[in-house]
Amino acid sequence: MAGIESPCVKVCIMDPVSGLCRGCARTLEEIAGWAGFAPEHRRQVMMQLDARRARMSASPGTLCSSDAVPAI
């Protein structure tokens, strides 16, 4: 049985301004619910992570947790 794909890179530091993990760019809600999310929901989150990381790098503090994919 295959495990659930995760964007976790074992750098679990929450950015207090954006509310996102500096390692994987997920919110606490996304991290906590990851294993229980439907595969489609996980894919939607994964599709946003590169853009979140780019925005965090370009302008720290401009991305907020409200950019998160709402639970389905």
N, C-alpha and C. Protein backbone atom coordinates (compact mmCIF):
# COMPACT_ATOMS: atom_id res chain seq x y z
N MET A 1 0.84 -1.18 0.00
CA MET A 1 0.00 0.00 0.00
C MET A 1 0.88 1.24 0.00
N ALA A 2 0.63 2.16 -0.90
CA ALA A 2 1.42 3.38 -1.01
C ALA A 2 0.99 4.38 0.06
N GLY A 3 1.97 5.16 0.56
CA GLY A 3 1.67 6.19 1.54
C GLY A 3 1.05 7.40 0.87
N ILE A 4 0.58 8.30 1.69
CA ILE A 4 -0.01 9.54 1.18
C ILE A 4 1.11 10.51 0.85
N GLU A 5 1.10 11.05 -0.36
CA GLU A 5 2.09 12.04 -0.76
C GLU A 5 1.96 13.27 0.13
N SER A 6 3.10 13.77 0.57
CA SER A 6 3.10 14.94 1.44
C SER A 6 4.19 15.91 1.00
N PRO A 7 3.91 17.21 1.08
CA PRO A 7 4.92 18.20 0.73
C PRO A 7 5.88 18.49 1.89
N CYS A 8 5.73 17.81 3.01
CA CYS A 8 6.55 18.06 4.18
C CYS A 8 8.03 17.85 3.85
N VAL A 9 8.85 18.83 4.26
CA VAL A 9 10.30 18.73 4.06
C VAL A 9 11.03 18.71 5.39
N LYS A 10 10.28 18.47 6.48
CA LYS A 10 10.83 18.36 7.83
C LYS A 10 11.47 19.66 8.31
N VAL A 11 10.96 20.80 7.82
CA VAL A 11 11.36 22.13 8.30
C VAL A 11 10.07 22.78 8.79
N CYS A 12 9.71 22.45 10.01
CA CYS A 12 8.41 22.86 10.53
C CYS A 12 8.53 24.13 11.36
N ILE A 13 8.54 25.25 10.67
CA ILE A 13 8.61 26.55 11.31
C ILE A 13 7.46 27.38 10.76
N MET A 14 6.54 27.73 11.63
CA MET A 14 5.40 28.52 11.19
C MET A 14 5.77 29.99 11.14
N ASP A 15 5.48 30.62 10.02
CA ASP A 15 5.70 32.05 9.86
C ASP A 15 4.56 32.79 10.54
N PRO A 16 4.86 33.64 11.53
CA PRO A 16 3.78 34.29 12.27
C PRO A 16 3.00 35.32 11.46
N VAL A 17 3.60 35.85 10.42
CA VAL A 17 2.91 36.85 9.60
C VAL A 17 1.98 36.19 8.59
N SER A 18 2.49 35.20 7.87
CA SER A 18 1.69 34.58 6.82
C SER A 18 0.80 33.46 7.35
N GLY A 19 1.19 32.84 8.48
CA GLY A 19 0.45 31.70 8.99
C GLY A 19 0.76 30.42 8.25
N LEU A 20 1.84 30.43 7.47
CA LEU A 20 2.23 29.27 6.67
C LEU A 20 3.53 28.68 7.19
N CYS A 21 3.69 27.39 6.99
CA CYS A 21 4.93 26.72 7.33
C CYS A 21 6.01 27.19 6.36
N ARG A 22 7.16 27.57 6.88
CA ARG A 22 8.26 28.03 6.01
C ARG A 22 8.86 26.89 5.21
N GLY A 23 8.65 25.66 5.66
CA GLY A 23 9.18 24.51 4.93
C GLY A 23 8.28 24.04 3.80
N CYS A 24 6.99 23.85 4.09
CA CYS A 24 6.10 23.26 3.08
C CYS A 24 5.04 24.23 2.55
N ALA A 25 4.92 25.41 3.15
CA ALA A 25 3.98 26.45 2.71
C ALA A 25 2.52 26.09 2.94
N ARG A 26 2.27 25.17 3.88
CA ARG A 26 0.88 24.85 4.23
C ARG A 26 0.48 25.56 5.51
N THR A 27 -0.82 25.71 5.71
CA THR A 27 -1.34 26.25 6.96
C THR A 27 -1.35 25.16 8.02
N LEU A 28 -1.51 25.56 9.27
CA LEU A 28 -1.64 24.56 10.33
C LEU A 28 -2.83 23.65 10.08
N GLU A 29 -3.93 24.22 9.59
CA GLU A 29 -5.12 23.42 9.31
C GLU A 29 -4.84 22.39 8.22
N GLU A 30 -4.09 22.80 7.20
CA GLU A 30 -3.75 21.86 6.12
C GLU A 30 -2.82 20.76 6.62
N ILE A 31 -1.85 21.14 7.45
CA ILE A 31 -0.91 20.15 7.99
C ILE A 31 -1.66 19.15 8.86
N ALA A 32 -2.48 19.65 9.77
CA ALA A 32 -3.20 18.79 10.71
C ALA A 32 -4.20 17.87 10.01
N GLY A 33 -4.84 18.35 8.96
CA GLY A 33 -5.87 17.56 8.29
C GLY A 33 -5.40 16.76 7.11
N TRP A 34 -4.11 16.84 6.79
CA TRP A 34 -3.58 16.26 5.54
C TRP A 34 -3.97 14.81 5.32
N ALA A 35 -3.76 13.97 6.30
CA ALA A 35 -4.04 12.54 6.13
C ALA A 35 -5.52 12.26 5.91
N GLY A 36 -6.39 13.13 6.42
CA GLY A 36 -7.82 12.92 6.27
C GLY A 36 -8.44 13.60 5.06
N PHE A 37 -7.66 14.43 4.38
CA PHE A 37 -8.18 15.12 3.19
C PHE A 37 -8.41 14.13 2.05
N ALA A 38 -9.40 14.43 1.25
CA ALA A 38 -9.62 13.64 0.03
C ALA A 38 -8.44 13.88 -0.92
N PRO A 39 -8.11 12.89 -1.74
CA PRO A 39 -6.99 13.06 -2.67
C PRO A 39 -7.10 14.32 -3.53
N GLU A 40 -8.29 14.67 -3.98
CA GLU A 40 -8.46 15.86 -4.80
C GLU A 40 -8.11 17.12 -4.01
N HIS A 41 -8.50 17.17 -2.76
CA HIS A 41 -8.17 18.33 -1.93
C HIS A 41 -6.66 18.44 -1.74
N ARG A 42 -5.98 17.32 -1.48
CA ARG A 42 -4.52 17.34 -1.35
C ARG A 42 -3.88 17.82 -2.65
N ARG A 43 -4.39 17.39 -3.79
CA ARG A 43 -3.84 17.83 -5.08
C ARG A 43 -4.02 19.34 -5.25
N GLN A 44 -5.18 19.86 -4.86
CA GLN A 44 -5.42 21.31 -4.97
C GLN A 44 -4.42 22.10 -4.13
N VAL A 45 -4.18 21.62 -2.92
CA VAL A 45 -3.20 22.29 -2.05
C VAL A 45 -1.82 22.21 -2.70
N MET A 46 -1.43 21.01 -3.13
CA MET A 46 -0.11 20.81 -3.73
C MET A 46 0.11 21.75 -4.93
N MET A 47 -0.93 21.97 -5.70
CA MET A 47 -0.82 22.84 -6.88
C MET A 47 -0.55 24.30 -6.50
N GLN A 48 -0.89 24.69 -5.29
CA GLN A 48 -0.69 26.07 -4.85
C GLN A 48 0.65 26.31 -4.16
N LEU A 49 1.33 25.27 -3.75
CA LEU A 49 2.50 25.43 -2.90
C LEU A 49 3.64 26.19 -3.55
N ASP A 50 3.96 25.93 -4.80
CA ASP A 50 5.05 26.66 -5.46
C ASP A 50 4.77 28.16 -5.50
N ALA A 51 3.54 28.52 -5.81
CA ALA A 51 3.19 29.94 -5.85
C ALA A 51 3.27 30.56 -4.46
N ARG A 52 2.84 29.84 -3.43
CA ARG A 52 2.93 30.34 -2.06
C ARG A 52 4.38 30.56 -1.68
N ARG A 53 5.24 29.59 -1.99
CA ARG A 53 6.67 29.72 -1.66
C ARG A 53 7.28 30.92 -2.37
N ALA A 54 6.94 31.08 -3.64
CA ALA A 54 7.48 32.19 -4.42
C ALA A 54 7.05 33.53 -3.81
N ARG A 55 5.79 33.63 -3.42
CA ARG A 55 5.32 34.88 -2.82
C ARG A 55 5.94 35.11 -1.45
N MET A 56 6.15 34.04 -0.68
CA MET A 56 6.79 34.21 0.63
C MET A 56 8.23 34.67 0.46
N SER A 57 8.93 34.16 -0.55
CA SER A 57 10.32 34.54 -0.79
C SER A 57 10.43 35.96 -1.33
N ALA A 58 9.53 36.33 -2.23
CA ALA A 58 9.58 37.65 -2.86
C ALA A 58 9.18 38.76 -1.91
N SER A 59 8.14 38.52 -1.15
CA SER A 59 7.62 39.55 -0.25
C SER A 59 7.18 38.92 1.06
N PRO A 60 8.11 38.70 1.95
CA PRO A 60 7.74 38.08 3.23
C PRO A 60 6.60 38.83 3.90
N GLY A 61 5.61 38.08 4.37
CA GLY A 61 4.50 38.68 5.08
C GLY A 61 3.32 39.10 4.22
N THR A 62 3.41 38.89 2.90
CA THR A 62 2.30 39.32 2.05
C THR A 62 1.29 38.22 1.77
N LEU A 63 1.67 37.00 2.01
CA LEU A 63 0.77 35.86 1.80
C LEU A 63 0.17 35.48 3.13
N CYS A 64 -1.09 35.26 3.18
CA CYS A 64 -1.70 34.91 4.45
C CYS A 64 -2.41 33.57 4.35
N SER A 65 -2.74 33.03 5.49
CA SER A 65 -3.37 31.72 5.53
C SER A 65 -4.74 31.71 4.88
N SER A 66 -5.30 32.87 4.60
CA SER A 66 -6.59 32.91 3.91
C SER A 66 -6.46 32.46 2.46
N ASP A 67 -5.20 32.32 1.97
CA ASP A 67 -4.96 31.81 0.62
C ASP A 67 -5.07 30.29 0.58
N ALA A 68 -5.34 29.67 1.71
CA ALA A 68 -5.41 28.22 1.80
C ALA A 68 -6.62 27.69 1.04
N VAL A 69 -6.50 26.46 0.61
CA VAL A 69 -7.62 25.78 -0.07
C VAL A 69 -8.62 25.37 1.00
N PRO A 70 -9.86 25.80 0.90
CA PRO A 70 -10.84 25.42 1.91
C PRO A 70 -11.12 23.91 1.88
N ALA A 71 -11.35 23.35 3.04
CA ALA A 71 -11.66 21.92 3.12
C ALA A 71 -12.92 21.61 2.36
N ILE A 72 -12.92 20.46 1.71
CA ILE A 72 -14.07 20.05 0.90
C ILE A 72 -15.02 19.27 1.76
